[in-house]
Amino acid sequence: MNSIEEFIDSVELTASMQDKLRQLALNPEVKHIVAYQVDGKPRVKIYSEDDVEFDNDIIASWSNGKETLPTIDPMTASKTMQAVELHETDGISVYAAAKQLGIHPSAVHRAIARRADKKLCPCCQQVVREGFQIDPSVLRKKAIPV
């Protein structure tokens, strides 16, 4: 991720949070800004050290340029969505799927409830929000075009 604007555009954040992140990016003590998906919502962590070990479930990152962060595969499903898939395709219980992936079962239950009767992305199975469209050119090959 090259600029803070690219980072902000890649994560769904409130306008006030976007402004705070722009200000933080100007602070020379801020080394990294990283976004994670927690219970279907983006969460942002700020790091002031270069030598930081990041979790694997990063959805977006920004760095002040002194240190490069791991490359993020935007097509990797969140742990919650992986648990939903395990539950729906393999027929295992929500509790077992959540335990297998190290998340709380309530996150899986909420994700299932959010998806009920809604249009889903054929690639990541996330809910496609009203007013948004799926760009078929960026879908994984195993996805079925809409």
N, C-alpha and C. Protein backbone atom coordinates (compact mmCIF):
# COMPACT_ATOMS: atom_id res chain seq x y z
N MET A 1 0.85 -1.16 0.00
CA MET A 1 0.00 0.00 0.00
C MET A 1 0.91 1.24 0.00
N ASN A 2 0.73 2.10 -0.98
CA ASN A 2 1.65 3.23 -1.13
C ASN A 2 1.25 4.46 -0.33
N SER A 3 -0.02 4.79 -0.32
CA SER A 3 -0.42 6.03 0.34
C SER A 3 -1.51 5.76 1.37
N ILE A 4 -1.65 6.71 2.27
CA ILE A 4 -2.70 6.58 3.28
C ILE A 4 -4.07 6.62 2.61
N GLU A 5 -4.19 7.33 1.51
CA GLU A 5 -5.48 7.40 0.80
C GLU A 5 -5.87 6.04 0.23
N GLU A 6 -4.90 5.29 -0.29
CA GLU A 6 -5.19 3.94 -0.79
C GLU A 6 -5.64 3.05 0.36
N PHE A 7 -4.98 3.20 1.51
CA PHE A 7 -5.37 2.43 2.69
C PHE A 7 -6.80 2.76 3.09
N ILE A 8 -7.11 4.04 3.19
CA ILE A 8 -8.44 4.48 3.60
C ILE A 8 -9.50 4.01 2.61
N ASP A 9 -9.20 4.08 1.32
CA ASP A 9 -10.15 3.63 0.30
C ASP A 9 -10.41 2.13 0.36
N SER A 10 -9.45 1.37 0.87
CA SER A 10 -9.60 -0.09 0.88
C SER A 10 -10.33 -0.62 2.11
N VAL A 11 -10.59 0.26 3.09
CA VAL A 11 -11.24 -0.17 4.33
C VAL A 11 -12.47 0.71 4.55
N GLU A 12 -13.58 0.10 4.89
CA GLU A 12 -14.82 0.85 5.12
C GLU A 12 -14.77 1.50 6.50
N LEU A 13 -14.54 2.82 6.52
CA LEU A 13 -14.40 3.56 7.78
C LEU A 13 -15.29 4.79 7.77
N THR A 14 -15.61 5.28 8.95
CA THR A 14 -16.39 6.51 9.04
C THR A 14 -15.53 7.69 8.61
N ALA A 15 -16.18 8.78 8.26
CA ALA A 15 -15.45 9.98 7.82
C ALA A 15 -14.52 10.50 8.92
N SER A 16 -14.99 10.47 10.16
CA SER A 16 -14.15 10.96 11.26
C SER A 16 -12.91 10.08 11.45
N MET A 17 -13.10 8.76 11.29
CA MET A 17 -11.97 7.84 11.41
C MET A 17 -10.99 8.06 10.26
N GLN A 18 -11.49 8.31 9.08
CA GLN A 18 -10.61 8.59 7.94
C GLN A 18 -9.76 9.83 8.21
N ASP A 19 -10.38 10.87 8.75
CA ASP A 19 -9.64 12.10 9.07
C ASP A 19 -8.57 11.85 10.13
N LYS A 20 -8.91 11.06 11.16
CA LYS A 20 -7.95 10.74 12.21
C LYS A 20 -6.75 9.98 11.64
N LEU A 21 -7.03 9.05 10.73
CA LEU A 21 -5.94 8.27 10.14
C LEU A 21 -5.04 9.15 9.27
N ARG A 22 -5.62 10.08 8.54
CA ARG A 22 -4.81 11.01 7.74
C ARG A 22 -3.87 11.82 8.64
N GLN A 23 -4.40 12.27 9.79
CA GLN A 23 -3.57 13.03 10.74
C GLN A 23 -2.48 12.14 11.34
N LEU A 24 -2.84 10.92 11.69
CA LEU A 24 -1.87 10.00 12.27
C LEU A 24 -0.75 9.68 11.28
N ALA A 25 -1.08 9.57 10.01
CA ALA A 25 -0.07 9.25 9.00
C ALA A 25 0.99 10.34 8.89
N LEU A 26 0.64 11.55 9.28
CA LEU A 26 1.61 12.66 9.24
C LEU A 26 2.54 12.65 10.44
N ASN A 27 2.18 11.93 11.49
CA ASN A 27 2.99 11.86 12.71
C ASN A 27 4.20 10.97 12.45
N PRO A 28 5.43 11.49 12.60
CA PRO A 28 6.63 10.68 12.33
C PRO A 28 6.80 9.49 13.27
N GLU A 29 6.11 9.50 14.42
CA GLU A 29 6.21 8.37 15.34
C GLU A 29 5.36 7.18 14.90
N VAL A 30 4.40 7.41 14.01
CA VAL A 30 3.54 6.31 13.54
C VAL A 30 4.28 5.59 12.41
N LYS A 31 4.52 4.31 12.62
CA LYS A 31 5.27 3.51 11.63
C LYS A 31 4.33 2.71 10.73
N HIS A 32 3.26 2.15 11.30
CA HIS A 32 2.34 1.31 10.53
C HIS A 32 0.91 1.53 11.00
N ILE A 33 -0.01 1.45 10.05
CA ILE A 33 -1.44 1.43 10.34
C ILE A 33 -1.97 0.17 9.66
N VAL A 34 -2.63 -0.68 10.43
CA VAL A 34 -3.05 -1.98 9.92
C VAL A 34 -4.54 -2.17 10.23
N ALA A 35 -5.28 -2.71 9.24
CA ALA A 35 -6.71 -2.98 9.43
C ALA A 35 -6.94 -4.48 9.48
N TYR A 36 -7.79 -4.87 10.41
CA TYR A 36 -8.19 -6.27 10.59
C TYR A 36 -9.71 -6.33 10.50
N GLN A 37 -10.24 -7.49 10.17
CA GLN A 37 -11.68 -7.72 10.15
C GLN A 37 -12.04 -8.43 11.45
N VAL A 38 -12.90 -7.83 12.27
CA VAL A 38 -13.33 -8.42 13.53
C VAL A 38 -14.85 -8.41 13.54
N ASP A 39 -15.43 -9.60 13.58
CA ASP A 39 -16.89 -9.75 13.58
C ASP A 39 -17.54 -8.98 12.44
N GLY A 40 -16.91 -9.01 11.28
CA GLY A 40 -17.48 -8.37 10.10
C GLY A 40 -17.26 -6.88 10.01
N LYS A 41 -16.53 -6.31 10.97
CA LYS A 41 -16.28 -4.86 10.97
C LYS A 41 -14.78 -4.61 10.96
N PRO A 42 -14.36 -3.56 10.26
CA PRO A 42 -12.92 -3.26 10.25
C PRO A 42 -12.47 -2.67 11.58
N ARG A 43 -11.31 -3.10 12.03
CA ARG A 43 -10.68 -2.56 13.22
C ARG A 43 -9.27 -2.13 12.82
N VAL A 44 -8.83 -0.99 13.32
CA VAL A 44 -7.54 -0.43 12.94
C VAL A 44 -6.60 -0.41 14.14
N LYS A 45 -5.36 -0.82 13.90
CA LYS A 45 -4.32 -0.75 14.93
C LYS A 45 -3.20 0.14 14.42
N ILE A 46 -2.66 0.92 15.32
CA ILE A 46 -1.57 1.84 15.01
C ILE A 46 -0.32 1.33 15.71
N TYR A 47 0.80 1.29 14.97
CA TYR A 47 2.07 0.81 15.54
C TYR A 47 3.11 1.93 15.45
N SER A 48 3.88 2.08 16.54
CA SER A 48 4.91 3.11 16.55
C SER A 48 6.31 2.51 16.46
N GLU A 49 6.40 1.19 16.27
CA GLU A 49 7.70 0.53 16.15
C GLU A 49 7.80 -0.14 14.79
N ASP A 50 9.03 -0.18 14.25
CA ASP A 50 9.24 -0.84 12.97
C ASP A 50 9.23 -2.36 13.11
N ASP A 51 9.80 -2.86 14.18
CA ASP A 51 9.95 -4.30 14.35
C ASP A 51 8.72 -4.87 15.05
N VAL A 52 7.64 -5.09 14.27
CA VAL A 52 6.38 -5.58 14.81
C VAL A 52 5.99 -6.83 14.03
N GLU A 53 5.49 -7.83 14.75
CA GLU A 53 4.99 -9.03 14.09
C GLU A 53 3.48 -8.89 13.92
N PHE A 54 3.01 -8.96 12.67
CA PHE A 54 1.61 -8.75 12.37
C PHE A 54 0.87 -10.07 12.27
N ASP A 55 -0.42 -10.04 12.63
CA ASP A 55 -1.27 -11.22 12.49
C ASP A 55 -1.50 -11.51 11.02
N ASN A 56 -1.94 -12.73 10.71
CA ASN A 56 -2.18 -13.13 9.33
C ASN A 56 -3.49 -12.62 8.76
N ASP A 57 -4.38 -12.12 9.60
CA ASP A 57 -5.70 -11.72 9.11
C ASP A 57 -5.80 -10.23 8.77
N ILE A 58 -4.70 -9.65 8.32
CA ILE A 58 -4.68 -8.25 7.90
C ILE A 58 -5.52 -8.11 6.63
N ILE A 59 -6.38 -7.06 6.57
CA ILE A 59 -7.12 -6.80 5.34
C ILE A 59 -6.54 -5.62 4.57
N ALA A 60 -5.80 -4.75 5.26
CA ALA A 60 -5.14 -3.62 4.59
C ALA A 60 -4.05 -3.10 5.51
N SER A 61 -3.04 -2.47 4.91
CA SER A 61 -1.96 -1.91 5.72
C SER A 61 -1.36 -0.68 5.05
N TRP A 62 -0.81 0.18 5.87
CA TRP A 62 -0.08 1.35 5.42
C TRP A 62 1.20 1.41 6.23
N SER A 63 2.28 1.80 5.58
CA SER A 63 3.55 1.93 6.26
C SER A 63 4.17 3.27 5.88
N ASN A 64 4.94 3.82 6.79
CA ASN A 64 5.58 5.09 6.50
C ASN A 64 6.75 4.95 5.52
N GLY A 65 6.97 3.73 5.03
CA GLY A 65 7.98 3.52 4.00
C GLY A 65 9.28 2.95 4.49
N LYS A 66 9.51 2.95 5.79
CA LYS A 66 10.77 2.44 6.31
C LYS A 66 10.78 0.92 6.40
N GLU A 67 9.61 0.32 6.46
CA GLU A 67 9.49 -1.13 6.62
C GLU A 67 8.35 -1.62 5.75
N THR A 68 8.54 -2.71 5.08
CA THR A 68 7.45 -3.23 4.26
C THR A 68 6.66 -4.26 5.06
N LEU A 69 5.37 -4.26 4.83
CA LEU A 69 4.48 -5.19 5.51
C LEU A 69 4.21 -6.38 4.61
N PRO A 70 3.69 -7.45 5.16
CA PRO A 70 3.39 -8.61 4.34
C PRO A 70 2.37 -8.28 3.25
N THR A 71 2.51 -8.93 2.12
CA THR A 71 1.55 -8.74 1.04
C THR A 71 0.24 -9.38 1.46
N ILE A 72 -0.85 -8.67 1.23
CA ILE A 72 -2.15 -9.13 1.65
C ILE A 72 -2.93 -9.61 0.45
N ASP A 73 -3.43 -10.82 0.53
CA ASP A 73 -4.28 -11.36 -0.53
C ASP A 73 -5.70 -10.89 -0.27
N PRO A 74 -6.24 -9.98 -1.10
CA PRO A 74 -7.58 -9.46 -0.84
C PRO A 74 -8.66 -10.52 -1.00
N MET A 75 -8.33 -11.67 -1.56
CA MET A 75 -9.33 -12.71 -1.77
C MET A 75 -9.35 -13.74 -0.64
N THR A 76 -8.57 -13.52 0.41
CA THR A 76 -8.57 -14.44 1.53
C THR A 76 -9.80 -14.15 2.39
N ALA A 77 -10.57 -15.16 2.65
CA ALA A 77 -11.77 -14.99 3.46
C ALA A 77 -11.38 -14.79 4.93
N SER A 78 -12.16 -14.00 5.63
CA SER A 78 -11.92 -13.81 7.06
C SER A 78 -12.17 -15.12 7.79
N LYS A 79 -11.70 -15.19 9.02
CA LYS A 79 -11.92 -16.39 9.82
C LYS A 79 -13.42 -16.64 10.01
N THR A 80 -14.17 -15.55 10.19
CA THR A 80 -15.61 -15.70 10.37
C THR A 80 -16.24 -16.32 9.13
N MET A 81 -15.85 -15.83 7.95
CA MET A 81 -16.43 -16.37 6.72
C MET A 81 -15.96 -17.80 6.47
N GLN A 82 -14.74 -18.12 6.88
CA GLN A 82 -14.28 -19.50 6.76
C GLN A 82 -15.12 -20.42 7.65
N ALA A 83 -15.47 -19.94 8.84
CA ALA A 83 -16.30 -20.73 9.75
C ALA A 83 -17.71 -20.90 9.19
N VAL A 84 -18.25 -19.84 8.60
CA VAL A 84 -19.57 -19.93 7.97
C VAL A 84 -19.54 -20.97 6.85
N GLU A 85 -18.49 -20.94 6.05
CA GLU A 85 -18.37 -21.90 4.96
C GLU A 85 -18.27 -23.34 5.49
N LEU A 86 -17.47 -23.54 6.54
CA LEU A 86 -17.37 -24.86 7.14
C LEU A 86 -18.74 -25.35 7.62
N HIS A 87 -19.47 -24.46 8.26
CA HIS A 87 -20.79 -24.80 8.78
C HIS A 87 -21.76 -25.14 7.63
N GLU A 88 -21.75 -24.31 6.59
CA GLU A 88 -22.72 -24.50 5.51
C GLU A 88 -22.36 -25.62 4.54
N THR A 89 -21.08 -25.80 4.26
CA THR A 89 -20.70 -26.81 3.28
C THR A 89 -20.37 -28.16 3.89
N ASP A 90 -19.71 -28.16 5.05
CA ASP A 90 -19.31 -29.42 5.68
C ASP A 90 -20.33 -29.91 6.71
N GLY A 91 -21.28 -29.03 7.05
CA GLY A 91 -22.33 -29.44 7.97
C GLY A 91 -21.91 -29.55 9.43
N ILE A 92 -20.74 -28.99 9.77
CA ILE A 92 -20.34 -29.05 11.17
C ILE A 92 -21.04 -27.92 11.94
N SER A 93 -21.13 -28.06 13.23
CA SER A 93 -21.85 -27.06 14.03
C SER A 93 -21.12 -25.73 14.00
N VAL A 94 -21.87 -24.66 14.28
CA VAL A 94 -21.29 -23.32 14.36
C VAL A 94 -20.21 -23.31 15.44
N TYR A 95 -20.50 -23.93 16.57
CA TYR A 95 -19.54 -23.96 17.68
C TYR A 95 -18.23 -24.64 17.25
N ALA A 96 -18.35 -25.79 16.58
CA ALA A 96 -17.16 -26.53 16.16
C ALA A 96 -16.36 -25.74 15.12
N ALA A 97 -17.05 -25.11 14.17
CA ALA A 97 -16.37 -24.32 13.14
C ALA A 97 -15.64 -23.14 13.77
N ALA A 98 -16.30 -22.46 14.71
CA ALA A 98 -15.68 -21.31 15.37
C ALA A 98 -14.47 -21.75 16.20
N LYS A 99 -14.62 -22.84 16.91
CA LYS A 99 -13.52 -23.34 17.75
C LYS A 99 -12.32 -23.72 16.88
N GLN A 100 -12.59 -24.35 15.74
CA GLN A 100 -11.52 -24.77 14.83
C GLN A 100 -10.71 -23.58 14.33
N LEU A 101 -11.38 -22.43 14.14
CA LEU A 101 -10.70 -21.26 13.61
C LEU A 101 -10.30 -20.26 14.70
N GLY A 102 -10.61 -20.57 15.94
CA GLY A 102 -10.18 -19.71 17.04
C GLY A 102 -10.96 -18.42 17.18
N ILE A 103 -12.24 -18.45 16.83
CA ILE A 103 -13.08 -17.27 16.98
C ILE A 103 -14.29 -17.61 17.84
N HIS A 104 -15.04 -16.61 18.23
CA HIS A 104 -16.21 -16.82 19.09
C HIS A 104 -17.40 -17.24 18.24
N PRO A 105 -18.17 -18.23 18.69
CA PRO A 105 -19.32 -18.70 17.92
C PRO A 105 -20.34 -17.60 17.60
N SER A 106 -20.46 -16.60 18.47
CA SER A 106 -21.44 -15.53 18.21
C SER A 106 -21.09 -14.76 16.94
N ALA A 107 -19.81 -14.67 16.61
CA ALA A 107 -19.41 -13.99 15.37
C ALA A 107 -19.95 -14.75 14.16
N VAL A 108 -19.92 -16.05 14.24
CA VAL A 108 -20.42 -16.88 13.13
C VAL A 108 -21.94 -16.76 13.04
N HIS A 109 -22.61 -16.81 14.18
CA HIS A 109 -24.07 -16.67 14.18
C HIS A 109 -24.49 -15.31 13.60
N ARG A 110 -23.78 -14.24 13.96
CA ARG A 110 -24.11 -12.91 13.43
C ARG A 110 -23.88 -12.85 11.93
N ALA A 111 -22.81 -13.46 11.46
CA ALA A 111 -22.51 -13.46 10.02
C ALA A 111 -23.60 -14.20 9.26
N ILE A 112 -24.05 -15.32 9.79
CA ILE A 112 -25.12 -16.09 9.15
C ILE A 112 -26.40 -15.26 9.10
N ALA A 113 -26.72 -14.58 10.19
CA ALA A 113 -27.93 -13.75 10.24
C ALA A 113 -27.84 -12.58 9.26
N ARG A 114 -26.66 -11.96 9.13
CA ARG A 114 -26.48 -10.84 8.20
C ARG A 114 -26.68 -11.27 6.76
N ARG A 115 -26.33 -12.50 6.45
CA ARG A 115 -26.37 -12.99 5.08
C ARG A 115 -27.75 -13.44 4.64
N ALA A 116 -28.66 -13.64 5.57
CA ALA A 116 -29.98 -14.18 5.25
C ALA A 116 -30.69 -13.30 4.22
N ASP A 117 -31.14 -13.92 3.12
CA ASP A 117 -31.92 -13.25 2.07
C ASP A 117 -31.21 -12.05 1.43
N LYS A 118 -29.89 -12.09 1.35
CA LYS A 118 -29.14 -10.99 0.73
C LYS A 118 -28.27 -11.52 -0.40
N LYS A 119 -27.92 -10.63 -1.32
CA LYS A 119 -27.04 -10.99 -2.43
C LYS A 119 -25.62 -11.16 -1.88
N LEU A 120 -24.98 -12.27 -2.25
CA LEU A 120 -23.64 -12.57 -1.77
C LEU A 120 -22.63 -12.52 -2.91
N CYS A 121 -21.42 -12.11 -2.60
CA CYS A 121 -20.33 -12.15 -3.57
C CYS A 121 -20.01 -13.62 -3.83
N PRO A 122 -19.94 -14.04 -5.09
CA PRO A 122 -19.66 -15.44 -5.38
C PRO A 122 -18.22 -15.84 -5.02
N CYS A 123 -17.38 -14.87 -4.78
CA CYS A 123 -15.98 -15.13 -4.50
C CYS A 123 -15.72 -15.31 -3.01
N CYS A 124 -16.11 -14.33 -2.21
CA CYS A 124 -15.79 -14.36 -0.78
C CYS A 124 -17.02 -14.62 0.09
N GLN A 125 -18.19 -14.67 -0.51
CA GLN A 125 -19.44 -14.92 0.19
C GLN A 125 -19.83 -13.82 1.18
N GLN A 126 -19.24 -12.63 1.04
CA GLN A 126 -19.64 -11.49 1.86
C GLN A 126 -20.91 -10.89 1.25
N VAL A 127 -21.69 -10.22 2.08
CA VAL A 127 -22.90 -9.56 1.61
C VAL A 127 -22.51 -8.38 0.73
N VAL A 128 -23.17 -8.28 -0.44
CA VAL A 128 -22.94 -7.14 -1.33
C VAL A 128 -23.93 -6.07 -0.90
N ARG A 129 -23.41 -4.98 -0.39
CA ARG A 129 -24.27 -3.93 0.14
C ARG A 129 -25.01 -3.20 -0.97
N GLU A 130 -26.14 -2.62 -0.61
CA GLU A 130 -26.97 -1.90 -1.56
C GLU A 130 -26.16 -0.77 -2.20
N GLY A 131 -26.28 -0.65 -3.51
CA GLY A 131 -25.57 0.39 -4.24
C GLY A 131 -24.21 -0.05 -4.75
N PHE A 132 -23.74 -1.23 -4.35
CA PHE A 132 -22.45 -1.75 -4.79
C PHE A 132 -22.68 -2.84 -5.82
N GLN A 133 -21.71 -2.98 -6.71
CA GLN A 133 -21.78 -4.01 -7.74
C GLN A 133 -20.51 -4.86 -7.66
N ILE A 134 -20.63 -6.07 -8.18
CA ILE A 134 -19.49 -6.98 -8.21
C ILE A 134 -18.78 -6.81 -9.55
N ASP A 135 -17.46 -6.58 -9.49
CA ASP A 135 -16.65 -6.47 -10.70
C ASP A 135 -16.17 -7.87 -11.06
N PRO A 136 -16.74 -8.49 -12.12
CA PRO A 136 -16.38 -9.87 -12.45
C PRO A 136 -14.90 -10.05 -12.79
N SER A 137 -14.20 -8.99 -13.19
CA SER A 137 -12.81 -9.12 -13.58
C SER A 137 -11.88 -9.40 -12.40
N VAL A 138 -12.34 -9.15 -11.18
CA VAL A 138 -11.48 -9.36 -10.02
C VAL A 138 -11.85 -10.62 -9.23
N LEU A 139 -12.82 -11.37 -9.70
CA LEU A 139 -13.24 -12.57 -8.99
C LEU A 139 -12.22 -13.68 -9.14
N ARG A 140 -12.12 -14.52 -8.12
CA ARG A 140 -11.28 -15.70 -8.22
C ARG A 140 -11.83 -16.62 -9.30
N LYS A 141 -10.96 -17.42 -9.88
CA LYS A 141 -11.36 -18.30 -10.97
C LYS A 141 -12.42 -19.30 -10.56
N LYS A 142 -12.40 -19.76 -9.29
CA LYS A 142 -13.38 -20.76 -8.88
C LYS A 142 -14.77 -20.16 -8.66
N ALA A 143 -14.85 -18.84 -8.64
CA ALA A 143 -16.15 -18.19 -8.41
C ALA A 143 -17.03 -18.32 -9.63
N ILE A 144 -18.30 -18.35 -9.40
CA ILE A 144 -19.26 -18.40 -10.50
C ILE A 144 -19.65 -16.97 -10.82
N PRO A 145 -19.51 -16.54 -12.09
CA PRO A 145 -19.88 -15.16 -12.44
C PRO A 145 -21.35 -14.89 -12.17
N VAL A 146 -21.64 -13.67 -11.79
CA VAL A 146 -23.02 -13.29 -11.46
C VAL A 146 -23.75 -12.85 -12.70
